[in-house]
Structure formats: structure tokens, C-alpha cells
Amino acid sequence: MTGPFDDLFRLDLDGHVRRWSAPGVATVDGDLSQWMAAAQQFAARLQVYPDGPTWVTDEQWREIGYAWAALLAAAERSTGEQRNEWLLRDLWLRSWLLDHMGPRAGVALLDPETLLERALAAMPMSVEEAVRLAAWWRDVKPDEVLPNRERVLALRMIRRLLATVRSLAPLLADHPRWAEVQAWERLAPELP
């Protein structure tokens, strides 16, 4: 694959789908800024209309979902997780699409349950541990923050993950795991 990051801003949605579905995408190397630009440009094509691309067929949505997943997987392979950068980009795009277009049966990108399961699976700790650390966080002295940076970032990650599912309550209120989200939500105000 030659020039996978060339002219990203010129590609329409179909162009992004073709580029990131092409053979060899999984082995593309690039720096963090190139992958971020690719993800931003792809997502922007999906978010260009206030209601989303309503004309897209279910089959096209499946192709879009495949290309989006391929881009994010290649980005993560090339640059590493980047503190869940690629996961969060995926969750935020899914959340936006669901907020603006609603779910579609048989389309993984528009499945609120997939979003919920992925967000909960990415929680960096149990609710019980987060409760304990939230109590610690409220009493931490400023000079203790830097040595405990990883703990603080993990607590912040909880808030970031919750933000992706929060607006989907009407779609997920009957889901068997929604109570877990509610438990995390009760804790969220105590987190940094």
C-alpha cells in the first residue's frame, strides 16, 4: 500500500472505506499524528451531517464498520494503545452515531450493546477498588499526585469511558449490565 496517509482530507466516505479496507492495511506503519489524522478524517466523513449519513445501507454500514475497525487496529499495532486512544475514538464515534441515528439490527457499528460491553470491559479496575481509590484521591496531597500518576489516570479513564455510554440510557436501560453503569455513575462525581 503506497501513501496511506496521502490526501486524507480529500477522501469522501467511500474513499476512506476503500483505503482502510485494502489489503495490507494491517501492516501499515505510521506515526501517531498520521494515525490520528486518518481516524479524524474518517470519523469526520461520518459526522458531516447532523443526523449522520442516513442514506447508507446496512451492507454499506458493515463495510464502514470493517474499515473503521481495520484502521484502528492498524493504528494500535503501529503506535501502541496510547492510553486507550483507539478504543476511546471507537467508542466516541459509535456513541455519536447512536445518538444521531439510533441503532440498526445486524450492524455492529450501530449496536449499543457492543458499545456498552466494550466500555465496561475497558474499565481499569473494579468498582470496589475505584471506591477505595476515590476516597484516597480526595485526601491526596499535591506532592503525592505525580508519584501516583498511573492511579489518577486510571480513575480519569473511568470517567472517560462512562461518558461514551451515558447518553445511551434510553437504548440500554433494559440491558442486563446497565446496573453496572449505574454503579459506576454513582461513583463518578468522586473521581478526578
N, C-alpha and C. Protein backbone atom coordinates (compact mmCIF):
# COMPACT_ATOMS: atom_id res chain seq x y z
N MET A 1 0.85 -1.17 0.00
CA MET A 1 0.00 0.00 0.00
C MET A 1 0.89 1.23 0.00
N THR A 2 0.71 2.11 -0.95
CA THR A 2 1.54 3.31 -1.03
C THR A 2 0.73 4.51 -0.59
N GLY A 3 1.36 5.37 0.18
CA GLY A 3 0.75 6.62 0.60
C GLY A 3 -0.55 6.51 1.35
N PRO A 4 -0.66 5.66 2.36
CA PRO A 4 -1.95 5.51 3.04
C PRO A 4 -2.40 6.79 3.75
N PHE A 5 -1.48 7.69 4.01
CA PHE A 5 -1.86 8.93 4.71
C PHE A 5 -1.93 10.13 3.77
N ASP A 6 -1.74 9.88 2.47
CA ASP A 6 -1.79 10.97 1.49
C ASP A 6 -3.22 11.42 1.25
N ASP A 7 -3.42 12.72 1.20
CA ASP A 7 -4.70 13.33 0.80
C ASP A 7 -5.90 12.83 1.59
N LEU A 8 -5.72 12.56 2.86
CA LEU A 8 -6.84 12.08 3.68
C LEU A 8 -8.03 13.03 3.65
N PHE A 9 -7.74 14.32 3.64
CA PHE A 9 -8.80 15.32 3.69
C PHE A 9 -9.61 15.36 2.39
N ARG A 10 -9.09 14.80 1.33
CA ARG A 10 -9.80 14.80 0.04
C ARG A 10 -10.71 13.60 -0.15
N LEU A 11 -10.53 12.58 0.66
CA LEU A 11 -11.32 11.36 0.51
C LEU A 11 -12.74 11.55 1.01
N ASP A 12 -13.70 11.05 0.25
CA ASP A 12 -15.06 11.00 0.76
C ASP A 12 -15.21 9.73 1.59
N LEU A 13 -16.40 9.46 2.08
CA LEU A 13 -16.61 8.29 2.93
C LEU A 13 -16.23 7.00 2.21
N ASP A 14 -16.66 6.87 0.96
CA ASP A 14 -16.31 5.67 0.19
C ASP A 14 -14.80 5.55 0.01
N GLY A 15 -14.12 6.66 -0.18
CA GLY A 15 -12.67 6.64 -0.32
C GLY A 15 -11.98 6.15 0.94
N HIS A 16 -12.47 6.59 2.09
CA HIS A 16 -11.91 6.11 3.36
C HIS A 16 -12.18 4.61 3.53
N VAL A 17 -13.37 4.18 3.19
CA VAL A 17 -13.70 2.76 3.32
C VAL A 17 -12.78 1.94 2.43
N ARG A 18 -12.60 2.37 1.18
CA ARG A 18 -11.72 1.62 0.28
C ARG A 18 -10.27 1.62 0.79
N ARG A 19 -9.80 2.77 1.25
CA ARG A 19 -8.41 2.85 1.70
C ARG A 19 -8.14 1.94 2.89
N TRP A 20 -9.03 1.97 3.88
CA TRP A 20 -8.77 1.23 5.11
C TRP A 20 -9.27 -0.20 5.06
N SER A 21 -9.92 -0.57 3.96
CA SER A 21 -10.30 -1.98 3.74
C SER A 21 -9.31 -2.69 2.83
N ALA A 22 -8.38 -1.95 2.27
CA ALA A 22 -7.45 -2.50 1.29
C ALA A 22 -6.53 -3.55 1.91
N PRO A 23 -6.11 -4.52 1.12
CA PRO A 23 -5.13 -5.49 1.61
C PRO A 23 -3.86 -4.77 2.06
N GLY A 24 -3.29 -5.24 3.11
CA GLY A 24 -2.04 -4.65 3.58
C GLY A 24 -2.19 -3.56 4.64
N VAL A 25 -3.42 -3.14 4.92
CA VAL A 25 -3.62 -2.09 5.92
C VAL A 25 -3.06 -2.51 7.27
N ALA A 26 -3.21 -3.76 7.60
CA ALA A 26 -2.76 -4.25 8.91
C ALA A 26 -1.26 -4.07 9.13
N THR A 27 -0.50 -3.93 8.06
CA THR A 27 0.96 -3.80 8.19
C THR A 27 1.47 -2.38 7.95
N VAL A 28 0.56 -1.43 7.74
CA VAL A 28 0.96 -0.05 7.51
C VAL A 28 1.59 0.52 8.79
N ASP A 29 2.72 1.19 8.61
CA ASP A 29 3.34 1.88 9.73
C ASP A 29 3.16 3.38 9.54
N GLY A 30 3.00 4.05 10.64
CA GLY A 30 2.87 5.50 10.62
C GLY A 30 3.11 6.02 12.01
N ASP A 31 3.32 7.31 12.10
CA ASP A 31 3.50 7.87 13.43
C ASP A 31 2.13 8.24 14.01
N LEU A 32 2.14 8.60 15.27
CA LEU A 32 0.89 8.86 15.97
C LEU A 32 0.06 9.93 15.28
N SER A 33 0.69 11.01 14.85
CA SER A 33 -0.07 12.10 14.23
C SER A 33 -0.72 11.65 12.91
N GLN A 34 -0.07 10.78 12.16
CA GLN A 34 -0.65 10.29 10.92
C GLN A 34 -1.89 9.43 11.20
N TRP A 35 -1.78 8.56 12.18
CA TRP A 35 -2.93 7.71 12.51
C TRP A 35 -4.08 8.53 13.10
N MET A 36 -3.74 9.53 13.89
CA MET A 36 -4.80 10.37 14.45
C MET A 36 -5.51 11.13 13.34
N ALA A 37 -4.74 11.63 12.39
CA ALA A 37 -5.35 12.34 11.26
C ALA A 37 -6.25 11.41 10.45
N ALA A 38 -5.80 10.18 10.23
CA ALA A 38 -6.61 9.22 9.49
C ALA A 38 -7.92 8.95 10.21
N ALA A 39 -7.85 8.71 11.51
CA ALA A 39 -9.07 8.43 12.28
C ALA A 39 -9.99 9.65 12.30
N GLN A 40 -9.41 10.83 12.46
CA GLN A 40 -10.23 12.05 12.49
C GLN A 40 -10.92 12.29 11.16
N GLN A 41 -10.20 12.11 10.07
CA GLN A 41 -10.80 12.35 8.75
C GLN A 41 -11.90 11.33 8.44
N PHE A 42 -11.67 10.08 8.80
CA PHE A 42 -12.68 9.04 8.57
C PHE A 42 -13.93 9.37 9.39
N ALA A 43 -13.75 9.64 10.67
CA ALA A 43 -14.89 9.95 11.54
C ALA A 43 -15.62 11.20 11.06
N ALA A 44 -14.88 12.18 10.59
CA ALA A 44 -15.50 13.42 10.12
C ALA A 44 -16.44 13.16 8.94
N ARG A 45 -16.09 12.21 8.10
CA ARG A 45 -16.98 11.89 6.96
C ARG A 45 -18.30 11.29 7.44
N LEU A 46 -18.25 10.61 8.56
CA LEU A 46 -19.48 10.04 9.12
C LEU A 46 -20.28 11.08 9.89
N GLN A 47 -19.62 12.10 10.39
CA GLN A 47 -20.27 13.09 11.24
C GLN A 47 -20.58 14.39 10.52
N VAL A 48 -20.42 14.44 9.23
CA VAL A 48 -20.57 15.69 8.49
C VAL A 48 -22.02 16.19 8.47
N TYR A 49 -22.98 15.29 8.59
CA TYR A 49 -24.39 15.70 8.60
C TYR A 49 -24.93 15.55 10.01
N PRO A 50 -25.78 16.50 10.45
CA PRO A 50 -26.29 16.45 11.83
C PRO A 50 -26.98 15.14 12.19
N ASP A 51 -27.64 14.51 11.24
CA ASP A 51 -28.33 13.25 11.51
C ASP A 51 -27.51 12.04 11.10
N GLY A 52 -26.26 12.26 10.71
CA GLY A 52 -25.43 11.16 10.23
C GLY A 52 -25.75 10.84 8.79
N PRO A 53 -25.02 9.91 8.20
CA PRO A 53 -25.28 9.53 6.81
C PRO A 53 -26.48 8.59 6.71
N THR A 54 -27.67 9.16 6.67
CA THR A 54 -28.90 8.39 6.73
C THR A 54 -29.15 7.56 5.47
N TRP A 55 -28.49 7.85 4.37
CA TRP A 55 -28.70 7.15 3.12
C TRP A 55 -27.91 5.83 3.02
N VAL A 56 -27.03 5.59 3.97
CA VAL A 56 -26.16 4.42 3.93
C VAL A 56 -26.97 3.15 4.21
N THR A 57 -26.78 2.14 3.37
CA THR A 57 -27.48 0.86 3.53
C THR A 57 -26.82 0.03 4.63
N ASP A 58 -27.50 -0.99 5.08
CA ASP A 58 -26.94 -1.88 6.09
C ASP A 58 -25.64 -2.52 5.61
N GLU A 59 -25.60 -2.93 4.36
CA GLU A 59 -24.38 -3.53 3.81
C GLU A 59 -23.23 -2.51 3.81
N GLN A 60 -23.53 -1.28 3.45
CA GLN A 60 -22.50 -0.24 3.48
C GLN A 60 -22.03 0.02 4.91
N TRP A 61 -22.97 -0.02 5.85
CA TRP A 61 -22.59 0.17 7.26
C TRP A 61 -21.64 -0.93 7.71
N ARG A 62 -21.90 -2.15 7.27
CA ARG A 62 -20.99 -3.24 7.63
C ARG A 62 -19.60 -3.00 7.04
N GLU A 63 -19.52 -2.51 5.80
CA GLU A 63 -18.24 -2.19 5.17
C GLU A 63 -17.54 -1.05 5.90
N ILE A 64 -18.31 -0.04 6.29
CA ILE A 64 -17.76 1.09 7.05
C ILE A 64 -17.20 0.58 8.37
N GLY A 65 -17.96 -0.25 9.06
CA GLY A 65 -17.52 -0.80 10.34
C GLY A 65 -16.25 -1.61 10.20
N TYR A 66 -16.16 -2.41 9.15
CA TYR A 66 -14.95 -3.20 8.90
C TYR A 66 -13.75 -2.29 8.66
N ALA A 67 -13.92 -1.27 7.82
CA ALA A 67 -12.81 -0.36 7.50
C ALA A 67 -12.39 0.44 8.74
N TRP A 68 -13.36 0.90 9.51
CA TRP A 68 -13.07 1.66 10.73
C TRP A 68 -12.27 0.79 11.72
N ALA A 69 -12.73 -0.45 11.90
CA ALA A 69 -12.02 -1.37 12.80
C ALA A 69 -10.62 -1.67 12.28
N ALA A 70 -10.47 -1.82 10.97
CA ALA A 70 -9.15 -2.09 10.39
C ALA A 70 -8.21 -0.91 10.61
N LEU A 71 -8.71 0.30 10.42
CA LEU A 71 -7.89 1.49 10.66
C LEU A 71 -7.42 1.54 12.11
N LEU A 72 -8.35 1.36 13.03
CA LEU A 72 -8.00 1.44 14.45
C LEU A 72 -7.05 0.32 14.88
N ALA A 73 -7.26 -0.87 14.36
CA ALA A 73 -6.37 -1.99 14.69
C ALA A 73 -4.96 -1.73 14.15
N ALA A 74 -4.87 -1.22 12.93
CA ALA A 74 -3.56 -0.91 12.35
C ALA A 74 -2.88 0.21 13.13
N ALA A 75 -3.66 1.20 13.53
CA ALA A 75 -3.11 2.31 14.32
C ALA A 75 -2.55 1.80 15.64
N GLU A 76 -3.30 0.95 16.30
CA GLU A 76 -2.84 0.41 17.59
C GLU A 76 -1.61 -0.48 17.41
N ARG A 77 -1.59 -1.29 16.36
CA ARG A 77 -0.41 -2.12 16.10
C ARG A 77 0.82 -1.25 15.83
N SER A 78 0.62 -0.17 15.11
CA SER A 78 1.73 0.69 14.72
C SER A 78 2.23 1.59 15.85
N THR A 79 1.32 2.08 16.68
CA THR A 79 1.69 3.08 17.68
C THR A 79 1.52 2.63 19.12
N GLY A 80 0.87 1.48 19.33
CA GLY A 80 0.55 1.05 20.68
C GLY A 80 -0.82 1.57 21.09
N GLU A 81 -1.23 1.22 22.28
CA GLU A 81 -2.57 1.60 22.75
C GLU A 81 -2.74 3.10 22.95
N GLN A 82 -1.65 3.78 23.27
CA GLN A 82 -1.72 5.22 23.51
C GLN A 82 -2.77 5.57 24.58
N ARG A 83 -2.71 4.82 25.69
CA ARG A 83 -3.67 5.04 26.80
C ARG A 83 -5.12 4.95 26.33
N ASN A 84 -5.39 3.90 25.58
CA ASN A 84 -6.74 3.61 25.08
C ASN A 84 -7.24 4.62 24.06
N GLU A 85 -6.35 5.33 23.40
CA GLU A 85 -6.73 6.32 22.39
C GLU A 85 -7.65 5.72 21.34
N TRP A 86 -7.26 4.58 20.80
CA TRP A 86 -8.01 4.00 19.68
C TRP A 86 -9.35 3.43 20.15
N LEU A 87 -9.36 2.84 21.32
CA LEU A 87 -10.62 2.36 21.88
C LEU A 87 -11.57 3.54 22.12
N LEU A 88 -11.08 4.60 22.73
CA LEU A 88 -11.93 5.75 23.01
C LEU A 88 -12.45 6.40 21.72
N ARG A 89 -11.61 6.48 20.71
CA ARG A 89 -12.09 7.02 19.42
C ARG A 89 -13.24 6.16 18.88
N ASP A 90 -13.08 4.86 18.99
CA ASP A 90 -14.13 3.96 18.53
C ASP A 90 -15.41 4.16 19.33
N LEU A 91 -15.29 4.18 20.64
CA LEU A 91 -16.47 4.34 21.48
C LEU A 91 -17.16 5.68 21.26
N TRP A 92 -16.38 6.74 21.11
CA TRP A 92 -16.97 8.06 20.88
C TRP A 92 -17.70 8.12 19.54
N LEU A 93 -17.11 7.54 18.50
CA LEU A 93 -17.79 7.55 17.20
C LEU A 93 -19.08 6.73 17.27
N ARG A 94 -19.00 5.56 17.86
CA ARG A 94 -20.21 4.73 18.00
C ARG A 94 -21.29 5.47 18.79
N SER A 95 -20.88 6.12 19.87
CA SER A 95 -21.84 6.85 20.70
C SER A 95 -22.50 7.98 19.90
N TRP A 96 -21.69 8.71 19.15
CA TRP A 96 -22.23 9.81 18.34
C TRP A 96 -23.22 9.27 17.31
N LEU A 97 -22.83 8.22 16.61
CA LEU A 97 -23.72 7.65 15.59
C LEU A 97 -25.03 7.17 16.21
N LEU A 98 -24.93 6.51 17.35
CA LEU A 98 -26.15 6.02 18.01
C LEU A 98 -27.02 7.18 18.50
N ASP A 99 -26.40 8.23 19.01
CA ASP A 99 -27.15 9.41 19.45
C ASP A 99 -27.89 10.08 18.29
N HIS A 100 -27.25 10.09 17.13
CA HIS A 100 -27.81 10.82 16.00
C HIS A 100 -28.64 9.97 15.04
N MET A 101 -28.36 8.67 15.00
CA MET A 101 -29.04 7.81 14.03
C MET A 101 -29.85 6.69 14.68
N GLY A 102 -29.49 6.34 15.88
CA GLY A 102 -30.15 5.21 16.53
C GLY A 102 -29.54 3.88 16.11
N PRO A 103 -29.96 2.82 16.74
CA PRO A 103 -29.39 1.50 16.44
C PRO A 103 -29.95 0.92 15.14
N ARG A 104 -29.19 -0.04 14.61
CA ARG A 104 -29.64 -0.83 13.45
C ARG A 104 -29.30 -2.28 13.71
N ALA A 105 -30.29 -3.13 13.62
CA ALA A 105 -30.06 -4.56 13.82
C ALA A 105 -29.11 -5.08 12.75
N GLY A 106 -28.17 -5.89 13.17
CA GLY A 106 -27.23 -6.50 12.24
C GLY A 106 -26.08 -5.61 11.82
N VAL A 107 -25.99 -4.43 12.41
CA VAL A 107 -24.89 -3.50 12.07
C VAL A 107 -24.12 -3.25 13.36
N ALA A 108 -22.94 -3.85 13.46
CA ALA A 108 -22.15 -3.78 14.70
C ALA A 108 -21.81 -2.35 15.09
N LEU A 109 -21.51 -1.51 14.13
CA LEU A 109 -21.14 -0.13 14.43
C LEU A 109 -22.30 0.64 15.06
N LEU A 110 -23.52 0.18 14.81
CA LEU A 110 -24.72 0.84 15.34
C LEU A 110 -25.43 -0.05 16.36
N ASP A 111 -24.65 -0.78 17.12
CA ASP A 111 -25.19 -1.68 18.14
C ASP A 111 -24.83 -1.12 19.52
N PRO A 112 -25.81 -0.61 20.26
CA PRO A 112 -25.49 -0.03 21.57
C PRO A 112 -24.94 -1.05 22.57
N GLU A 113 -25.32 -2.30 22.43
CA GLU A 113 -24.82 -3.33 23.35
C GLU A 113 -23.32 -3.55 23.18
N THR A 114 -22.84 -3.48 21.94
CA THR A 114 -21.40 -3.61 21.69
C THR A 114 -20.65 -2.47 22.38
N LEU A 115 -21.17 -1.28 22.25
CA LEU A 115 -20.55 -0.12 22.89
C LEU A 115 -20.50 -0.30 24.40
N LEU A 116 -21.61 -0.71 24.99
CA LEU A 116 -21.67 -0.92 26.43
C LEU A 116 -20.68 -1.99 26.88
N GLU A 117 -20.67 -3.11 26.21
CA GLU A 117 -19.78 -4.22 26.59
C GLU A 117 -18.32 -3.80 26.48
N ARG A 118 -17.97 -3.09 25.42
CA ARG A 118 -16.57 -2.67 25.25
C ARG A 118 -16.17 -1.66 26.31
N ALA A 119 -17.05 -0.72 26.63
CA ALA A 119 -16.74 0.28 27.65
C ALA A 119 -16.55 -0.38 29.01
N LEU A 120 -17.44 -1.28 29.37
CA LEU A 120 -17.32 -1.95 30.67
C LEU A 120 -16.08 -2.85 30.72
N ALA A 121 -15.77 -3.51 29.61
CA ALA A 121 -14.59 -4.38 29.58
C ALA A 121 -13.29 -3.58 29.74
N ALA A 122 -13.32 -2.32 29.36
CA ALA A 122 -12.12 -1.49 29.43
C ALA A 122 -11.93 -0.80 30.77
N MET A 123 -12.88 -0.95 31.68
CA MET A 123 -12.71 -0.33 32.99
C MET A 123 -11.41 -0.82 33.60
N PRO A 124 -10.58 0.10 34.07
CA PRO A 124 -9.24 -0.28 34.52
C PRO A 124 -9.19 -0.95 35.89
N MET A 125 -10.31 -1.05 36.56
CA MET A 125 -10.35 -1.67 37.88
C MET A 125 -11.79 -1.99 38.23
N SER A 126 -11.98 -2.67 39.34
CA SER A 126 -13.33 -2.98 39.81
C SER A 126 -13.96 -1.74 40.45
N VAL A 127 -15.27 -1.76 40.59
CA VAL A 127 -15.96 -0.66 41.27
C VAL A 127 -15.44 -0.53 42.70
N GLU A 128 -15.23 -1.67 43.36
CA GLU A 128 -14.78 -1.65 44.75
C GLU A 128 -13.41 -0.98 44.88
N GLU A 129 -12.51 -1.31 43.98
CA GLU A 129 -11.19 -0.68 44.01
C GLU A 129 -11.30 0.81 43.70
N ALA A 130 -12.16 1.15 42.76
CA ALA A 130 -12.35 2.56 42.42
C ALA A 130 -12.93 3.35 43.60
N VAL A 131 -13.83 2.73 44.37
CA VAL A 131 -14.38 3.38 45.56
C VAL A 131 -13.25 3.66 46.55
N ARG A 132 -12.40 2.67 46.76
CA ARG A 132 -11.27 2.84 47.68
C ARG A 132 -10.33 3.95 47.20
N LEU A 133 -10.01 3.95 45.90
CA LEU A 133 -9.10 4.96 45.37
C LEU A 133 -9.75 6.35 45.31
N ALA A 134 -11.04 6.39 45.14
CA ALA A 134 -11.73 7.69 45.16
C ALA A 134 -11.61 8.33 46.54
N ALA A 135 -11.71 7.50 47.58
CA ALA A 135 -11.52 8.02 48.94
C ALA A 135 -10.08 8.50 49.12
N TRP A 136 -9.13 7.75 48.59
CA TRP A 136 -7.72 8.16 48.64
C TRP A 136 -7.52 9.47 47.88
N TRP A 137 -8.12 9.55 46.70
CA TRP A 137 -7.92 10.72 45.84
C TRP A 137 -8.36 12.01 46.53
N ARG A 138 -9.45 11.97 47.25
CA ARG A 138 -9.96 13.18 47.91
C ARG A 138 -8.97 13.70 48.94
N ASP A 139 -8.15 12.83 49.51
CA ASP A 139 -7.21 13.23 50.57
C ASP A 139 -5.76 13.33 50.11
N VAL A 140 -5.50 13.10 48.83
CA VAL A 140 -4.12 13.10 48.36
C VAL A 140 -3.52 14.52 48.43
N LYS A 141 -2.28 14.58 48.82
CA LYS A 141 -1.57 15.86 48.89
C LYS A 141 -0.98 16.16 47.51
N PRO A 142 -0.86 17.42 47.17
CA PRO A 142 -0.36 17.78 45.83
C PRO A 142 0.97 17.11 45.47
N ASP A 143 1.87 16.97 46.43
CA ASP A 143 3.16 16.36 46.11
C ASP A 143 3.08 14.84 45.93
N GLU A 144 1.91 14.25 46.20
CA GLU A 144 1.71 12.82 46.02
C GLU A 144 1.06 12.49 44.67
N VAL A 145 0.61 13.50 43.95
CA VAL A 145 -0.10 13.27 42.70
C VAL A 145 0.83 12.67 41.64
N LEU A 146 1.96 13.30 41.40
CA LEU A 146 2.86 12.82 40.36
C LEU A 146 3.36 11.39 40.61
N PRO A 147 3.78 11.04 41.81
CA PRO A 147 4.20 9.64 42.02
C PRO A 147 3.05 8.63 41.84
N ASN A 148 1.84 9.10 41.91
CA ASN A 148 0.67 8.22 41.76
C ASN A 148 -0.08 8.50 40.45
N ARG A 149 0.64 8.99 39.49
CA ARG A 149 0.06 9.39 38.20
C ARG A 149 -0.78 8.28 37.56
N GLU A 150 -0.28 7.06 37.56
CA GLU A 150 -1.00 5.96 36.92
C GLU A 150 -2.35 5.71 37.58
N ARG A 151 -2.39 5.81 38.89
CA ARG A 151 -3.68 5.64 39.60
C ARG A 151 -4.65 6.74 39.21
N VAL A 152 -4.15 7.96 39.17
CA VAL A 152 -5.00 9.11 38.81
C VAL A 152 -5.53 8.95 37.39
N LEU A 153 -4.65 8.55 36.47
CA LEU A 153 -5.07 8.36 35.08
C LEU A 153 -6.10 7.24 34.96
N ALA A 154 -5.95 6.18 35.74
CA ALA A 154 -6.93 5.09 35.72
C ALA A 154 -8.29 5.59 36.20
N LEU A 155 -8.30 6.41 37.24
CA LEU A 155 -9.57 6.96 37.73
C LEU A 155 -10.20 7.89 36.68
N ARG A 156 -9.39 8.65 36.01
CA ARG A 156 -9.91 9.53 34.95
C ARG A 156 -10.44 8.71 33.78
N MET A 157 -9.79 7.59 33.49
CA MET A 157 -10.25 6.74 32.39
C MET A 157 -11.68 6.25 32.65
N ILE A 158 -11.99 5.98 33.88
CA ILE A 158 -13.36 5.55 34.22
C ILE A 158 -14.36 6.61 33.77
N ARG A 159 -14.07 7.85 34.08
CA ARG A 159 -14.97 8.94 33.68
C ARG A 159 -15.08 9.04 32.16
N ARG A 160 -13.95 8.88 31.47
CA ARG A 160 -13.96 8.98 30.00
C ARG A 160 -14.78 7.85 29.38
N LEU A 161 -14.64 6.66 29.93
CA LEU A 161 -15.42 5.53 29.41
C LEU A 161 -16.91 5.70 29.68
N LEU A 162 -17.24 6.19 30.86
CA LEU A 162 -18.65 6.41 31.19
C LEU A 162 -19.29 7.44 30.27
N ALA A 163 -18.54 8.44 29.90
CA ALA A 163 -19.08 9.49 29.03
C ALA A 163 -19.55 8.94 27.70
N THR A 164 -18.96 7.85 27.23
CA THR A 164 -19.36 7.30 25.93
C THR A 164 -20.69 6.57 25.99
N VAL A 165 -21.09 6.08 27.15
CA VAL A 165 -22.34 5.32 27.26
C VAL A 165 -23.47 6.10 27.93
N ARG A 166 -23.14 7.15 28.59
CA ARG A 166 -24.13 7.89 29.40
C ARG A 166 -25.38 8.27 28.60
N SER A 167 -25.21 8.80 27.41
CA SER A 167 -26.36 9.27 26.63
C SER A 167 -27.20 8.13 26.06
N LEU A 168 -26.70 6.91 26.17
CA LEU A 168 -27.41 5.78 25.59
C LEU A 168 -28.38 5.12 26.58
N ALA A 169 -28.61 5.74 27.71
CA ALA A 169 -29.50 5.17 28.72
C ALA A 169 -30.85 4.75 28.13
N PRO A 170 -31.49 5.55 27.29
CA PRO A 170 -32.78 5.10 26.75
C PRO A 170 -32.69 3.81 25.93
N LEU A 171 -31.54 3.58 25.30
CA LEU A 171 -31.37 2.38 24.48
C LEU A 171 -30.94 1.16 25.30
N LEU A 172 -30.33 1.43 26.46
CA LEU A 172 -29.70 0.35 27.21
C LEU A 172 -30.29 0.10 28.60
N ALA A 173 -31.29 0.85 28.98
CA ALA A 173 -31.83 0.74 30.34
C ALA A 173 -32.26 -0.68 30.70
N ASP A 174 -32.66 -1.49 29.72
CA ASP A 174 -33.09 -2.86 29.98
C ASP A 174 -31.97 -3.88 29.82
N HIS A 175 -30.79 -3.43 29.48
CA HIS A 175 -29.66 -4.34 29.29
C HIS A 175 -29.26 -4.93 30.64
N PRO A 176 -28.92 -6.22 30.70
CA PRO A 176 -28.57 -6.84 31.98
C PRO A 176 -27.37 -6.19 32.69
N ARG A 177 -26.52 -5.51 31.95
CA ARG A 177 -25.34 -4.91 32.58
C ARG A 177 -25.50 -3.40 32.83
N TRP A 178 -26.68 -2.85 32.58
CA TRP A 178 -26.86 -1.42 32.79
C TRP A 178 -26.69 -1.05 34.27
N ALA A 179 -27.01 -1.94 35.16
CA ALA A 179 -26.83 -1.68 36.60
C ALA A 179 -25.36 -1.41 36.92
N GLU A 180 -24.45 -2.05 36.19
CA GLU A 180 -23.02 -1.79 36.39
C GLU A 180 -22.69 -0.34 36.02
N VAL A 181 -23.26 0.12 34.94
CA VAL A 181 -23.04 1.52 34.53
C VAL A 181 -23.56 2.45 35.62
N GLN A 182 -24.72 2.14 36.15
CA GLN A 182 -25.29 2.98 37.20
C GLN A 182 -24.39 2.99 38.44
N ALA A 183 -23.80 1.86 38.78
CA ALA A 183 -22.88 1.81 39.92
C ALA A 183 -21.67 2.70 39.66
N TRP A 184 -21.13 2.64 38.45
CA TRP A 184 -20.01 3.50 38.09
C TRP A 184 -20.43 4.97 38.11
N GLU A 185 -21.64 5.25 37.63
CA GLU A 185 -22.14 6.65 37.60
C GLU A 185 -22.25 7.23 39.01
N ARG A 186 -22.67 6.43 39.96
CA ARG A 186 -22.76 6.93 41.33
C ARG A 186 -21.39 7.32 41.88
N LEU A 187 -20.36 6.63 41.43
CA LEU A 187 -19.01 6.89 41.86
C LEU A 187 -18.35 8.06 41.11
N ALA A 188 -18.79 8.31 39.88
CA ALA A 188 -18.14 9.28 39.00
C ALA A 188 -17.89 10.66 39.64
N PRO A 189 -18.83 11.24 40.40
CA PRO A 189 -18.56 12.57 40.97
C PRO A 189 -17.38 12.60 41.95
N GLU A 190 -16.99 11.46 42.47
CA GLU A 190 -15.88 11.39 43.40
C GLU A 190 -14.53 11.23 42.71
N LEU A 191 -14.54 11.01 41.42
CA LEU A 191 -13.30 10.74 40.68
C LEU A 191 -12.66 12.04 40.18
N PRO A 192 -11.33 12.00 39.97
CA PRO A 192 -10.66 13.22 39.48
C PRO A 192 -11.04 13.53 38.04
